[in-house]
Protein backbone atom coordinates (compact mmCIF):
# COMPACT_ATOMS: atom_id res chain seq x y z
CA MET A 1 -16.64 -8.56 37.53
CA ASP A 2 -18.10 -11.48 39.52
CA ALA A 3 -21.15 -11.41 37.26
CA VAL A 4 -18.94 -11.56 34.16
CA ALA A 5 -16.98 -14.47 35.62
CA THR A 6 -20.26 -16.28 36.34
CA TYR A 7 -21.32 -16.03 32.71
CA LEU A 8 -17.92 -17.23 31.49
CA ILE A 9 -18.04 -20.22 33.84
CA GLN A 10 -21.44 -21.18 32.45
CA MET A 11 -19.97 -21.20 28.93
CA VAL A 12 -17.03 -23.50 29.73
CA LEU A 13 -18.77 -26.89 29.56
CA PRO A 14 -20.67 -26.15 26.32
CA ALA A 15 -17.43 -24.76 24.84
CA LEU A 16 -15.81 -28.14 25.46
CA VAL A 17 -18.67 -29.71 23.51
CA GLY A 18 -17.86 -27.29 20.68
CA ALA A 19 -14.24 -28.45 20.77
CA CYS A 20 -15.44 -32.05 20.44
CA LEU A 21 -17.61 -31.11 17.46
CA TRP A 22 -14.62 -29.48 15.82
CA GLY A 23 -12.45 -32.51 16.53
CA GLY A 24 -15.10 -34.88 15.20
CA SER A 25 -15.48 -32.96 11.95
CA TYR A 26 -11.73 -32.57 11.38
CA PRO A 27 -11.01 -35.98 9.78
CA ILE A 28 -14.05 -35.68 7.52
CA ARG A 29 -13.10 -32.20 6.32
CA ARG A 30 -9.51 -33.28 5.86
CA ARG A 31 -10.47 -36.24 3.65
CA LEU A 32 -12.86 -34.15 1.57
CA LEU A 33 -10.20 -31.50 0.94
CA ALA A 34 -7.51 -34.07 0.20
CA ARG A 35 -9.60 -35.32 -2.71
CA LYS A 36 -9.34 -31.82 -4.20
CA GLY A 37 -5.61 -31.57 -3.53
CA LEU A 38 -6.16 -29.08 -0.72
CA TYR A 39 -4.81 -29.05 2.81
CA LEU A 40 -6.11 -27.68 6.07
CA SER A 41 -4.35 -24.59 7.36
CA VAL A 42 -3.17 -24.88 10.97
CA TYR A 43 -4.02 -21.22 11.49
CA ARG A 44 -7.49 -21.60 10.05
CA GLU A 45 -8.18 -24.74 12.04
CA GLY A 46 -7.09 -23.02 15.24
CA SER A 47 -9.43 -20.13 14.46
CA LEU A 48 -12.25 -22.56 13.68
CA LEU A 49 -11.67 -24.33 16.98
CA LEU A 50 -11.98 -21.08 18.91
CA PHE A 51 -15.06 -20.13 16.90
CA PHE A 52 -16.72 -23.53 17.51
CA MET A 53 -16.02 -23.24 21.24
CA PHE A 54 -17.30 -19.69 21.55
CA LEU A 55 -20.41 -20.29 19.43
CA THR A 56 -21.50 -23.39 21.34
CA GLY A 57 -20.89 -21.57 24.62
CA LEU A 58 -22.92 -18.58 23.45
CA LEU A 59 -25.82 -20.70 22.18
CA ALA A 60 -25.90 -22.82 25.31
CA LEU A 61 -25.99 -19.70 27.46
CA THR A 62 -28.70 -17.90 25.48
CA LEU A 63 -30.97 -20.78 24.37
CA THR A 64 -31.59 -22.16 27.86
CA PRO A 65 -33.52 -20.66 30.78
CA ALA A 66 -31.63 -18.10 32.84
CA GLY A 67 -29.47 -19.82 35.44
CA PHE A 68 -29.75 -23.25 33.77
CA TRP A 69 -26.03 -23.94 33.61
CA LEU A 70 -25.32 -22.64 37.10
CA ALA A 71 -27.98 -25.00 38.43
CA PHE A 72 -26.55 -27.83 36.33
CA LEU A 73 -23.00 -27.26 37.60
CA ARG A 74 -24.21 -27.00 41.22
CA ARG A 75 -26.46 -30.06 40.79
CA SER A 76 -29.42 -27.95 41.86
CA PRO A 77 -32.96 -28.32 40.45
CA LEU A 78 -33.03 -27.00 36.91
CA PRO A 79 -35.23 -23.98 36.10
CA GLN A 80 -38.62 -24.88 34.72
CA VAL A 81 -39.36 -23.92 31.14
CA GLN A 82 -42.50 -21.82 30.75
CA PRO A 83 -42.87 -20.63 27.13
CA PHE A 84 -43.96 -17.05 26.44
CA GLN A 85 -43.46 -15.98 30.05
CA GLY A 86 -40.36 -13.81 29.63
CA GLY A 87 -41.93 -10.71 28.11
CA ILE A 88 -41.52 -9.06 24.73
CA ASN A 89 -40.21 -5.56 24.01
CA LEU A 90 -40.57 -4.30 20.44
CA PHE A 91 -39.99 -0.59 21.17
CA PRO A 92 -36.32 0.39 20.73
CA PHE A 93 -34.56 1.90 23.76
CA ARG A 94 -37.70 2.69 25.77
CA GLU A 95 -37.42 -0.23 28.18
CA SER A 96 -33.63 -0.10 28.22
CA TRP A 97 -33.61 3.57 29.21
CA ALA A 98 -36.03 2.93 32.08
CA LEU A 99 -33.99 -0.09 33.15
CA LEU A 100 -30.74 1.87 33.03
CA ARG A 101 -32.17 4.61 35.24
CA TYR A 102 -33.39 2.00 37.72
CA TYR A 103 -29.97 0.31 37.84
CA ILE A 104 -28.19 3.65 38.37
CA GLU A 105 -30.61 4.72 41.12
CA HIS A 106 -30.01 1.45 42.98
CA GLY A 107 -26.29 1.16 42.25
CA LEU A 108 -26.64 -2.09 40.31
CA TRP A 109 -23.43 -1.62 38.33
CA SER A 110 -22.95 -5.31 37.54
CA ALA A 111 -26.41 -5.42 35.99
CA ILE A 112 -25.52 -2.40 33.85
CA LEU A 113 -22.33 -4.11 32.71
CA ILE A 114 -24.14 -7.31 31.75
CA ASN A 115 -27.19 -5.77 30.10
CA PHE A 116 -25.58 -3.03 28.04
CA PRO A 117 -21.82 -3.35 27.27
CA GLY A 118 -22.21 -7.11 27.82
CA ASN A 119 -24.76 -7.46 25.03
CA ILE A 120 -22.32 -5.74 22.68
CA VAL A 121 -19.12 -7.51 23.73
CA MET A 122 -20.77 -10.93 23.70
CA PHE A 123 -21.25 -10.72 19.93
CA VAL A 124 -17.92 -9.08 19.01
CA PRO A 125 -16.34 -12.53 18.38
CA ILE A 126 -19.12 -13.38 15.91
CA GLY A 127 -18.26 -10.39 13.73
CA PHE A 128 -14.54 -10.99 14.14
CA PHE A 129 -14.52 -14.69 13.25
CA THR A 130 -16.97 -14.36 10.37
CA GLY A 131 -14.66 -11.75 8.89
CA LEU A 132 -11.61 -13.91 9.48
CA LEU A 133 -13.06 -17.17 8.18
CA MET A 134 -15.46 -16.26 5.38
CA ASP A 135 -14.63 -15.84 1.71
CA ASN A 136 -14.36 -12.23 0.54
CA PRO A 137 -15.08 -10.69 3.97
CA LYS A 138 -17.25 -7.58 4.00
CA TRP A 139 -18.59 -5.54 6.89
CA TRP A 140 -22.17 -6.13 5.85
CA LYS A 141 -21.67 -9.91 5.75
CA SER A 142 -20.41 -9.95 9.33
CA THR A 143 -23.14 -7.54 10.44
CA PHE A 144 -25.97 -9.49 8.83
CA SER A 145 -24.57 -12.80 10.12
CA THR A 146 -24.63 -11.37 13.63
CA PHE A 147 -28.08 -9.86 13.14
CA PHE A 148 -29.66 -13.13 12.01
CA LEU A 149 -27.95 -15.13 14.75
CA SER A 150 -29.20 -12.65 17.35
CA LEU A 151 -32.68 -12.67 15.79
CA PHE A 152 -32.77 -16.46 15.99
CA ILE A 153 -31.75 -16.33 19.65
CA GLU A 154 -34.31 -13.65 20.54
CA ILE A 155 -37.14 -15.60 18.87
CA PHE A 156 -36.05 -18.88 20.46
CA GLN A 157 -35.99 -17.26 23.90
CA LEU A 158 -39.76 -16.92 23.67
CA PHE A 159 -39.89 -20.67 24.33
CA VAL A 160 -37.44 -20.88 27.26
CA SER A 161 -38.90 -18.41 29.76
CA ARG A 162 -36.60 -15.57 28.73
CA GLY A 163 -37.38 -12.05 27.57
CA THR A 164 -37.24 -11.11 23.91
CA ASP A 165 -35.98 -7.57 23.43
CA VAL A 166 -35.36 -5.56 20.28
CA ASP A 167 -32.68 -3.62 22.18
CA ASP A 168 -30.69 -6.84 22.60
CA LEU A 169 -30.93 -7.36 18.85
CA ILE A 170 -29.60 -3.86 18.22
CA LEU A 171 -26.75 -4.15 20.73
CA ASN A 172 -25.78 -7.63 19.53
CA THR A 173 -25.65 -6.43 15.92
CA LEU A 174 -23.51 -3.46 16.96
CA GLY A 175 -21.17 -5.95 18.62
CA GLY A 176 -20.89 -7.90 15.36
CA LEU A 177 -20.01 -4.72 13.48
CA MET A 178 -17.35 -3.86 16.08
CA GLY A 179 -15.98 -7.38 15.72
CA HIS A 180 -15.54 -6.84 11.99
CA TRP A 181 -13.68 -3.61 12.70
CA LEU A 182 -11.31 -5.60 14.92
CA PHE A 183 -10.80 -8.01 12.04
CA LEU A 184 -9.96 -5.10 9.75
CA LEU A 185 -7.40 -3.84 12.28
CA LEU A 186 -5.86 -7.30 12.43
CA ARG A 187 -5.74 -7.53 8.64
CA GLN A 188 -4.03 -4.17 8.44
CA GLY A 189 -1.55 -4.93 11.22
CA ASN A 190 -0.85 -8.59 10.41
CA PRO A 191 -1.99 -9.46 6.88
CA GLY A 192 0.19 -12.59 6.87
CA PHE A 193 -1.79 -14.15 9.72
CA VAL A 194 -5.11 -13.30 8.06
CA ASN A 195 -3.93 -14.86 4.79
CA ARG A 196 -2.97 -18.04 6.64
CA CYS A 197 -6.55 -18.23 7.92
CA ALA A 198 -7.90 -18.13 4.34
CA LYS A 199 -10.38 -20.84 3.47
CA HIS A 200 -8.06 -23.51 2.07
CA ARG A 201 -5.01 -23.60 -0.15
CA LYS A 202 -2.95 -26.04 -2.14
CA GLY A 203 0.11 -27.34 -0.36
CA SER A 204 0.67 -27.59 3.37
CA VAL A 205 0.55 -24.46 5.53
């Protein structure tokens, strides 16, 4: 759990930047919609705020060298960037299976949590929020959105001294699909809330 808390702490500062981006775009979006006789939904804006915060936190965590934000927060020397030094795995599950066996043999349970369930859970919000916020939500839209975001991250990590792994891409995409399932459960259990998060509507909400 300490490892999970460490990752969450590293996402806090970038998430605040995401909140600022949302706040800065709010007046512009409000004026543009007002010209069309539309109003911003409080529910949708709240969901957008959470999505902005999570997405900026996720990108900041994954598009920088490992340990960058911990070093930044501790005012320690920042990790050096050495492109194409993190390794590339293009063979599904082979490396992950060997890594899992190594972690189990040495009792590295936190590493198991971060590398396997963590890679799924980290992308669940992407699938959930894309389902909640997009027009005509479909499972394949959320899944492909997550896939391409993960693909972008994995390719970018070639340039920031981090490993690029097809298994991460698979697990991240699975997380996006699970996030869409959570959205479907929410829509079934509370359709009124989901409707209030619809793109935009005439009249105040």
